[in-house]
Amino acid sequence: MCESNVYMKHDGTEELLMENVAAITPSADGTFLLRGLLGEQKEVKGVIEDINLMGHKIILKAE
């Protein structure tokens, strides 16, 4: 499978936002739409800090 877990980093700590994310769509306003395998969606604001495809982990940083 190719899904990843997405985390938000605040002051050096990582908070799990969503598991098994299959797609991430950026918007012009600095938000990302996260979509899971089963159709669940979550919109978050931040910037990409790290993408580790081998580790199935994406870290966003709060602005």
PDB file of N, CA and C in Angstrom:
ATOM      1  N   MET A   1       0.835  -1.182   0.000  1.00  0.00           N
ATOM      2  CA  MET A   1       0.000   0.000   0.000  1.00  0.00           C
ATOM      3  C   MET A   1       0.880   1.245   0.000  1.00  0.00           C
ATOM      4  N   CYS A   2       0.318   2.343  -0.447  1.00  0.00           N
ATOM      5  CA  CYS A   2       1.093   3.577  -0.595  1.00  0.00           C
ATOM      6  C   CYS A   2       0.614   4.700   0.318  1.00  0.00           C
ATOM      7  N   GLU A   3      -0.205   4.397   1.304  1.00  0.00           N
ATOM      8  CA  GLU A   3      -0.692   5.461   2.158  1.00  0.00           C
ATOM      9  C   GLU A   3       0.348   5.842   3.197  1.00  0.00           C
ATOM     10  N   SER A   4       0.139   7.053   3.741  1.00  0.00           N
ATOM     11  CA  SER A   4       1.043   7.566   4.763  1.00  0.00           C
ATOM     12  C   SER A   4       0.245   8.159   5.913  1.00  0.00           C
ATOM     13  N   ASN A   5       0.896   8.291   7.042  1.00  0.00           N
ATOM     14  CA  ASN A   5       0.314   9.005   8.170  1.00  0.00           C
ATOM     15  C   ASN A   5       0.798  10.445   8.098  1.00  0.00           C
ATOM     16  N   VAL A   6      -0.094  11.382   8.413  1.00  0.00           N
ATOM     17  CA  VAL A   6       0.252  12.801   8.363  1.00  0.00           C
ATOM     18  C   VAL A   6       0.255  13.347   9.784  1.00  0.00           C
ATOM     19  N   TYR A   7       1.333  14.065  10.104  1.00  0.00           N
ATOM     20  CA  TYR A   7       1.522  14.646  11.428  1.00  0.00           C
ATOM     21  C   TYR A   7       1.650  16.159  11.305  1.00  0.00           C
ATOM     22  N   MET A   8       1.223  16.879  12.349  1.00  0.00           N
ATOM     23  CA  MET A   8       1.435  18.321  12.441  1.00  0.00           C
ATOM     24  C   MET A   8       2.465  18.555  13.532  1.00  0.00           C
ATOM     25  N   LYS A   9       3.500  19.326  13.213  1.00  0.00           N
ATOM     26  CA  LYS A   9       4.569  19.599  14.168  1.00  0.00           C
ATOM     27  C   LYS A   9       4.332  20.960  14.818  1.00  0.00           C
ATOM     28  N   HIS A  10       4.245  20.946  16.151  1.00  0.00           N
ATOM     29  CA  HIS A  10       4.084  22.157  16.963  1.00  0.00           C
ATOM     30  C   HIS A  10       5.211  22.193  17.975  1.00  0.00           C
ATOM     31  N   ASP A  11       6.032  23.218  17.951  1.00  0.00           N
ATOM     32  CA  ASP A  11       7.088  23.392  18.957  1.00  0.00           C
ATOM     33  C   ASP A  11       7.898  22.120  19.197  1.00  0.00           C
ATOM     34  N   GLY A  12       8.238  21.420  18.130  1.00  0.00           N
ATOM     35  CA  GLY A  12       9.092  20.243  18.227  1.00  0.00           C
ATOM     36  C   GLY A  12       8.375  18.927  18.499  1.00  0.00           C
ATOM     37  N   THR A  13       7.070  18.964  18.753  1.00  0.00           N
ATOM     38  CA  THR A  13       6.328  17.723  18.977  1.00  0.00           C
ATOM     39  C   THR A  13       5.416  17.451  17.789  1.00  0.00           C
ATOM     40  N   GLU A  14       5.217  16.180  17.492  1.00  0.00           N
ATOM     41  CA  GLU A  14       4.404  15.775  16.356  1.00  0.00           C
ATOM     42  C   GLU A  14       3.065  15.212  16.831  1.00  0.00           C
ATOM     43  N   GLU A  15       1.981  15.738  16.255  1.00  0.00           N
ATOM     44  CA  GLU A  15       0.626  15.280  16.574  1.00  0.00           C
ATOM     45  C   GLU A  15       0.058  14.583  15.337  1.00  0.00           C
ATOM     46  N   LEU A  16      -0.416  13.365  15.506  1.00  0.00           N
ATOM     47  CA  LEU A  16      -1.010  12.623  14.392  1.00  0.00           C
ATOM     48  C   LEU A  16      -2.309  13.300  13.964  1.00  0.00           C
ATOM     49  N   LEU A  17      -2.384  13.693  12.684  1.00  0.00           N
ATOM     50  CA  LEU A  17      -3.595  14.309  12.147  1.00  0.00           C
ATOM     51  C   LEU A  17      -4.517  13.286  11.511  1.00  0.00           C
ATOM     52  N   MET A  18      -3.916  12.364  10.753  1.00  0.00           N
ATOM     53  CA  MET A  18      -4.736  11.410  10.009  1.00  0.00           C
ATOM     54  C   MET A  18      -3.879  10.226   9.593  1.00  0.00           C
ATOM     55  N   GLU A  19      -4.459   9.043   9.706  1.00  0.00           N
ATOM     56  CA  GLU A  19      -3.786   7.814   9.289  1.00  0.00           C
ATOM     57  C   GLU A  19      -4.263   7.407   7.893  1.00  0.00           C
ATOM     58  N   ASN A  20      -3.445   6.624   7.212  1.00  0.00           N
ATOM     59  CA  ASN A  20      -3.779   6.035   5.915  1.00  0.00           C
ATOM     60  C   ASN A  20      -4.249   7.063   4.892  1.00  0.00           C
ATOM     61  N   VAL A  21      -3.483   8.151   4.778  1.00  0.00           N
ATOM     62  CA  VAL A  21      -3.788   9.195   3.808  1.00  0.00           C
ATOM     63  C   VAL A  21      -3.325   8.719   2.435  1.00  0.00           C
ATOM     64  N   ALA A  22      -4.248   8.758   1.474  1.00  0.00           N
ATOM     65  CA  ALA A  22      -3.953   8.290   0.128  1.00  0.00           C
ATOM     66  C   ALA A  22      -3.665   9.443  -0.834  1.00  0.00           C
ATOM     67  N   ALA A  23      -4.152  10.665  -0.510  1.00  0.00           N
ATOM     68  CA  ALA A  23      -3.948  11.813  -1.396  1.00  0.00           C
ATOM     69  C   ALA A  23      -3.908  13.099  -0.576  1.00  0.00           C
ATOM     70  N   ILE A  24      -3.056  14.017  -1.014  1.00  0.00           N
ATOM     71  CA  ILE A  24      -2.969  15.347  -0.410  1.00  0.00           C
ATOM     72  C   ILE A  24      -3.046  16.358  -1.545  1.00  0.00           C
ATOM     73  N   THR A  25      -3.996  17.292  -1.432  1.00  0.00           N
ATOM     74  CA  THR A  25      -4.169  18.318  -2.452  1.00  0.00           C
ATOM     75  C   THR A  25      -3.932  19.689  -1.831  1.00  0.00           C
ATOM     76  N   PRO A  26      -2.921  20.439  -2.329  1.00  0.00           N
ATOM     77  CA  PRO A  26      -2.663  21.775  -1.786  1.00  0.00           C
ATOM     78  C   PRO A  26      -3.622  22.797  -2.389  1.00  0.00           C
ATOM     79  N   SER A  27      -3.899  23.854  -1.621  1.00  0.00           N
ATOM     80  CA  SER A  27      -4.716  24.969  -2.095  1.00  0.00           C
ATOM     81  C   SER A  27      -3.869  26.227  -2.088  1.00  0.00           C
ATOM     82  N   ALA A  28      -4.308  27.232  -2.816  1.00  0.00           N
ATOM     83  CA  ALA A  28      -3.563  28.485  -2.924  1.00  0.00           C
ATOM     84  C   ALA A  28      -3.486  29.231  -1.596  1.00  0.00           C
ATOM     85  N   ASP A  29      -4.428  28.978  -0.686  1.00  0.00           N
ATOM     86  CA  ASP A  29      -4.456  29.692   0.593  1.00  0.00           C
ATOM     87  C   ASP A  29      -3.590  29.052   1.674  1.00  0.00           C
ATOM     88  N   GLY A  30      -2.769  28.061   1.318  1.00  0.00           N
ATOM     89  CA  GLY A  30      -1.870  27.428   2.271  1.00  0.00           C
ATOM     90  C   GLY A  30      -2.477  26.269   3.032  1.00  0.00           C
ATOM     91  N   THR A  31      -3.631  25.793   2.586  1.00  0.00           N
ATOM     92  CA  THR A  31      -4.240  24.634   3.233  1.00  0.00           C
ATOM     93  C   THR A  31      -4.003  23.388   2.385  1.00  0.00           C
ATOM     94  N   PHE A  32      -4.133  22.238   3.041  1.00  0.00           N
ATOM     95  CA  PHE A  32      -4.018  20.956   2.366  1.00  0.00           C
ATOM     96  C   PHE A  32      -5.273  20.155   2.639  1.00  0.00           C
ATOM     97  N   LEU A  33      -5.810  19.516   1.614  1.00  0.00           N
ATOM     98  CA  LEU A  33      -6.937  18.610   1.775  1.00  0.00           C
ATOM     99  C   LEU A  33      -6.374  17.198   1.836  1.00  0.00           C
ATOM    100  N   LEU A  34      -6.535  16.551   2.988  1.00  0.00           N
ATOM    101  CA  LEU A  34      -6.070  15.181   3.183  1.00  0.00           C
ATOM    102  C   LEU A  34      -7.240  14.251   2.914  1.00  0.00           C
ATOM    103  N   ARG A  35      -7.006  13.212   2.099  1.00  0.00           N
ATOM    104  CA  ARG A  35      -8.062  12.242   1.807  1.00  0.00           C
ATOM    105  C   ARG A  35      -7.574  10.840   2.135  1.00  0.00           C
ATOM    106  N   GLY A  36      -8.395  10.117   2.903  1.00  0.00           N
ATOM    107  CA  GLY A  36      -8.061   8.775   3.321  1.00  0.00           C
ATOM    108  C   GLY A  36      -8.581   7.722   2.365  1.00  0.00           C
ATOM    109  N   LEU A  37      -8.211   6.499   2.633  1.00  0.00           N
ATOM    110  CA  LEU A  37      -8.599   5.361   1.800  1.00  0.00           C
ATOM    111  C   LEU A  37     -10.108   5.167   1.709  1.00  0.00           C
ATOM    112  N   LEU A  38     -10.805   5.444   2.804  1.00  0.00           N
ATOM    113  CA  LEU A  38     -12.244   5.185   2.857  1.00  0.00           C
ATOM    114  C   LEU A  38     -13.084   6.432   2.571  1.00  0.00           C
ATOM    115  N   GLY A  39     -12.436   7.485   2.023  1.00  0.00           N
ATOM    116  CA  GLY A  39     -13.166   8.686   1.642  1.00  0.00           C
ATOM    117  C   GLY A  39     -13.197   9.783   2.684  1.00  0.00           C
ATOM    118  N   GLU A  40     -12.635   9.533   3.872  1.00  0.00           N
ATOM    119  CA  GLU A  40     -12.617  10.585   4.877  1.00  0.00           C
ATOM    120  C   GLU A  40     -11.727  11.731   4.414  1.00  0.00           C
ATOM    121  N   GLN A  41     -12.070  12.956   4.833  1.00  0.00           N
ATOM    122  CA  GLN A  41     -11.327  14.140   4.422  1.00  0.00           C
ATOM    123  C   GLN A  41     -11.076  15.042   5.612  1.00  0.00           C
ATOM    124  N   LYS A  42      -9.954  15.760   5.542  1.00  0.00           N
ATOM    125  CA  LYS A  42      -9.627  16.735   6.571  1.00  0.00           C
ATOM    126  C   LYS A  42      -8.846  17.850   5.902  1.00  0.00           C
ATOM    127  N   GLU A  43      -9.191  19.086   6.230  1.00  0.00           N
ATOM    128  CA  GLU A  43      -8.476  20.235   5.687  1.00  0.00           C
ATOM    129  C   GLU A  43      -7.628  20.842   6.801  1.00  0.00           C
ATOM    130  N   VAL A  44      -6.341  21.052   6.512  1.00  0.00           N
ATOM    131  CA  VAL A  44      -5.417  21.592   7.510  1.00  0.00           C
ATOM    132  C   VAL A  44      -4.572  22.685   6.884  1.00  0.00           C
ATOM    133  N   LYS A  45      -4.104  23.604   7.735  1.00  0.00           N
ATOM    134  CA  LYS A  45      -3.241  24.688   7.270  1.00  0.00           C
ATOM    135  C   LYS A  45      -1.841  24.452   7.815  1.00  0.00           C
ATOM    136  N   GLY A  46      -0.846  24.633   6.970  1.00  0.00           N
ATOM    137  CA  GLY A  46       0.537  24.451   7.379  1.00  0.00           C
ATOM    138  C   GLY A  46       1.449  24.430   6.171  1.00  0.00           C
ATOM    139  N   VAL A  47       2.695  24.102   6.419  1.00  0.00           N
ATOM    140  CA  VAL A  47       3.685  23.963   5.352  1.00  0.00           C
ATOM    141  C   VAL A  47       4.324  22.587   5.478  1.00  0.00           C
ATOM    142  N   ILE A  48       4.765  22.039   4.373  1.00  0.00           N
ATOM    143  CA  ILE A  48       5.398  20.728   4.390  1.00  0.00           C
ATOM    144  C   ILE A  48       6.806  20.862   4.965  1.00  0.00           C
ATOM    145  N   GLU A  49       7.077  20.073   5.990  1.00  0.00           N
ATOM    146  CA  GLU A  49       8.420  20.057   6.574  1.00  0.00           C
ATOM    147  C   GLU A  49       9.205  18.854   6.084  1.00  0.00           C
ATOM    148  N   ASP A  50       8.556  17.688   5.983  1.00  0.00           N
ATOM    149  CA  ASP A  50       9.267  16.476   5.585  1.00  0.00           C
ATOM    150  C   ASP A  50       8.295  15.472   4.989  1.00  0.00           C
ATOM    151  N   ILE A  51       8.743  14.787   3.952  1.00  0.00           N
ATOM    152  CA  ILE A  51       7.992  13.684   3.359  1.00  0.00           C
ATOM    153  C   ILE A  51       8.925  12.486   3.310  1.00  0.00           C
ATOM    154  N   ASN A  52       8.559  11.427   4.029  1.00  0.00           N
ATOM    155  CA  ASN A  52       9.350  10.208   4.062  1.00  0.00           C
ATOM    156  C   ASN A  52       8.492   9.091   3.463  1.00  0.00           C
ATOM    157  N   LEU A  53       8.651   8.847   2.178  1.00  0.00           N
ATOM    158  CA  LEU A  53       7.828   7.857   1.492  1.00  0.00           C
ATOM    159  C   LEU A  53       8.150   6.439   1.941  1.00  0.00           C
ATOM    160  N   MET A  54       9.396   6.163   2.241  1.00  0.00           N
ATOM    161  CA  MET A  54       9.757   4.824   2.709  1.00  0.00           C
ATOM    162  C   MET A  54       9.183   4.559   4.095  1.00  0.00           C
ATOM    163  N   GLY A  55       9.104   5.600   4.919  1.00  0.00           N
ATOM    164  CA  GLY A  55       8.573   5.470   6.270  1.00  0.00           C
ATOM    165  C   GLY A  55       7.081   5.734   6.362  1.00  0.00           C
ATOM    166  N   HIS A  56       6.457   6.069   5.219  1.00  0.00           N
ATOM    167  CA  HIS A  56       5.016   6.353   5.164  1.00  0.00           C
ATOM    168  C   HIS A  56       4.621   7.448   6.151  1.00  0.00           C
ATOM    169  N   LYS A  57       5.433   8.522   6.168  1.00  0.00           N
ATOM    170  CA  LYS A  57       5.218   9.594   7.146  1.00  0.00           C
ATOM    171  C   LYS A  57       5.394  10.947   6.474  1.00  0.00           C
ATOM    172  N   ILE A  58       4.410  11.830   6.675  1.00  0.00           N
ATOM    173  CA  ILE A  58       4.447  13.193   6.154  1.00  0.00           C
ATOM    174  C   ILE A  58       4.287  14.133   7.334  1.00  0.00           C
ATOM    175  N   ILE A  59       5.189  15.097   7.437  1.00  0.00           N
ATOM    176  CA  ILE A  59       5.132  16.050   8.539  1.00  0.00           C
ATOM    177  C   ILE A  59       4.832  17.434   7.994  1.00  0.00           C
ATOM    178  N   LEU A  60       3.767  18.039   8.506  1.00  0.00           N
ATOM    179  CA  LEU A  60       3.427  19.426   8.205  1.00  0.00           C
ATOM    180  C   LEU A  60       3.831  20.254   9.423  1.00  0.00           C
ATOM    181  N   LYS A  61       4.180  21.509   9.178  1.00  0.00           N
ATOM    182  CA  LYS A  61       4.565  22.392  10.274  1.00  0.00           C
ATOM    183  C   LYS A  61       3.531  23.501  10.370  1.00  0.00           C
ATOM    184  N   ALA A  62       3.079  23.772  11.593  1.00  0.00           N
ATOM    185  CA  ALA A  62       2.129  24.855  11.820  1.00  0.00           C
ATOM    186  C   ALA A  62       2.794  26.180  11.523  1.00  0.00           C
ATOM    187  N   GLU A  63       2.031  27.076  10.938  1.00  0.00           N
ATOM    188  CA  GLU A  63       2.581  28.410  10.624  1.00  0.00           C
ATOM    189  C   GLU A  63       2.470  29.340  11.802  1.00  0.00           C
TER     190      GLU A  63
END
